[in-house]
Protein backbone atom coordinates (compact mmCIF):
# COMPACT_ATOMS: atom_id res chain seq x y z
CA LYS A 1 0.46 -0.16 -0.24
CA GLY A 2 1.50 3.63 -0.64
CA ASP A 3 -0.62 6.96 -1.35
CA GLY A 4 -2.74 6.30 -4.27
CA VAL A 5 -1.37 2.65 -4.69
CA ASP A 6 -3.02 -1.21 -2.95
CA ILE A 7 -1.61 -3.42 -4.75
CA ASN A 8 -2.61 -7.84 -3.51
CA ALA A 9 -0.21 -10.30 -5.74
CA LYS A 10 -0.13 -14.07 -5.56
CA LEU A 11 2.75 -15.47 -5.78
CA PRO A 12 2.54 -18.47 -8.43
CA GLY A 13 5.12 -21.26 -7.74
CA LEU A 14 5.81 -19.73 -3.85
CA ASP A 15 6.43 -23.61 -1.84
CA MET A 16 5.89 -22.82 1.89
CA ARG A 17 7.58 -25.80 2.48
CA ASP A 18 10.62 -24.47 1.07
CA ILE A 19 10.43 -21.56 3.93
CA ASN A 20 9.98 -24.19 6.60
CA ALA A 21 13.72 -25.77 5.71
CA ASP A 22 15.75 -22.51 5.35
CA PHE A 23 13.77 -20.86 8.19
CA ASP A 24 16.24 -19.61 10.71
CA ILE A 25 17.95 -17.07 13.14
CA ASP A 26 21.61 -17.15 13.25
CA GLY A 27 21.11 -20.99 13.00
CA VAL A 28 17.94 -21.06 15.11
CA GLY A 29 15.06 -22.50 12.52
CA LEU A 30 11.58 -23.36 12.68
CA TYR A 31 10.78 -25.59 16.38
CA PRO A 32 10.71 -29.34 15.08
CA GLY A 33 7.27 -30.49 13.04
CA ALA A 34 6.81 -26.78 12.81
CA SER A 35 4.87 -24.88 9.76
CA VAL A 36 4.85 -21.94 8.50
CA THR A 37 1.62 -20.53 7.25
CA SER A 38 2.16 -16.41 6.61
CA MET A 39 4.88 -14.29 5.51
CA ASN A 40 4.79 -10.78 5.28
CA VAL A 41 7.95 -8.70 4.42
CA ASN A 42 7.42 -4.61 4.40
CA ALA A 43 10.23 -3.12 3.44
CA THR A 44 11.26 0.93 2.96
CA SER A 45 13.69 2.43 1.10
CA LYS A 46 14.14 6.77 1.52
CA ASP A 47 16.08 8.64 -1.06
CA GLY A 48 17.20 4.95 -2.88
CA ASN A 49 18.83 4.79 1.00
CA SER A 50 18.58 1.16 2.91
CA GLY A 51 16.03 1.87 4.80
CA LYS A 52 14.30 -0.65 7.60
CA GLY A 53 12.27 -2.99 7.17
CA THR A 54 9.96 -5.77 8.80
CA VAL A 55 9.25 -9.69 8.07
CA LYS A 56 6.74 -11.27 9.92
CA PHE A 57 6.12 -15.31 9.49
CA GLY A 58 3.21 -17.26 10.50
CA PHE A 59 3.17 -20.66 12.12
CA ASN A 60 1.91 -24.07 13.59
CA ALA A 61 3.76 -25.94 16.07
CA PRO A 62 2.77 -29.41 17.69
CA ALA A 63 3.32 -28.26 21.00
CA SER A 64 2.13 -26.48 23.84
CA ALA A 65 2.98 -22.52 23.51
CA ASP A 66 5.31 -23.11 27.18
CA THR A 67 6.82 -26.19 25.40
CA VAL A 68 7.67 -23.79 21.82
CA ALA A 69 8.80 -20.20 23.83
CA ALA A 70 11.28 -22.66 26.36
CA TRP A 71 12.60 -24.34 23.22
CA TYR A 72 13.50 -21.20 21.79
CA ALA A 73 14.75 -19.92 24.72
CA GLY A 74 16.94 -22.39 25.31
CA GLU A 75 17.90 -22.90 21.15
CA PHE A 76 19.11 -19.26 20.90
CA ALA A 77 21.11 -19.07 24.87
CA LYS A 78 22.79 -22.22 23.05
CA ALA A 79 23.83 -20.01 19.86
CA GLY A 80 24.95 -16.97 21.76
CA LEU A 81 22.23 -14.86 21.26
CA LYS A 82 20.74 -12.04 23.87
CA ALA A 83 17.56 -13.64 24.10
CA THR A 84 14.88 -12.93 26.93
CA ARG A 85 11.81 -14.99 27.91
CA ALA A 86 8.65 -13.56 29.34
CA GLY A 87 5.96 -16.09 29.38
CA ASN A 88 5.06 -16.99 25.97
CA LYS A 89 6.96 -14.43 24.39
CA VAL A 90 11.09 -14.63 23.00
CA SER A 91 12.69 -11.48 22.52
CA GLY A 92 16.05 -10.19 21.36
CA THR A 93 18.80 -9.32 18.57
CA THR A 94 20.11 -10.87 15.79
CA ASN A 95 24.34 -10.35 15.39
CA ASP A 96 23.33 -8.28 12.87
CA GLY A 97 22.38 -6.33 15.71
CA ASP A 98 18.40 -6.99 14.25
CA ALA A 99 15.71 -6.72 17.19
CA PHE A 100 13.25 -10.18 16.62
CA SER A 101 10.31 -11.49 18.81
CA ILE A 102 8.01 -15.02 19.05
CA ASN A 103 4.54 -14.47 20.20
CA LEU A 104 3.25 -17.81 21.13
CA SER A 105 -0.81 -18.33 21.76
CA PRO A 106 -2.27 -21.63 22.81
CA ASP A 107 -3.85 -24.18 20.06
CA GLY A 108 -5.30 -26.93 21.76
CA THR A 109 -2.74 -29.11 22.74
CA ALA A 110 -0.56 -27.28 19.73
CA SER A 111 0.25 -23.82 19.15
CA THR A 112 0.68 -20.83 16.70
CA GLY A 113 2.81 -18.43 16.70
CA GLU A 114 4.24 -15.03 14.61
CA ILE A 115 7.61 -14.43 14.19
CA GLU A 116 9.19 -10.68 13.25
CA VAL A 117 12.65 -9.78 12.50
CA SER A 118 13.36 -6.46 12.26
CA GLY A 119 16.47 -4.00 11.68
């Protein structure tokens, strides 16, 4: 969306399974058995210079929100990333200084989540 423009496009040939396999934050991938359900990329540029952008991924995980949040907090610690867990939210900073957050919600015995990376 922009001033006077609103574009909605479908990208043929985009296979979310490719994203599942390739997704990681400094070596920490998706929770085992999780699958990406949505992706949103918002990039900005001012005067032809690199600006800030935000990438959001929605996903489903086959474990409780508490279990998934604990797993992410542990994996980020193993990878040497600064990450803080507050309930079902894990947030921190990548090695490049980009902020990330993972917000999880219960969904029966499973969970849904959103990963946001901005920088």
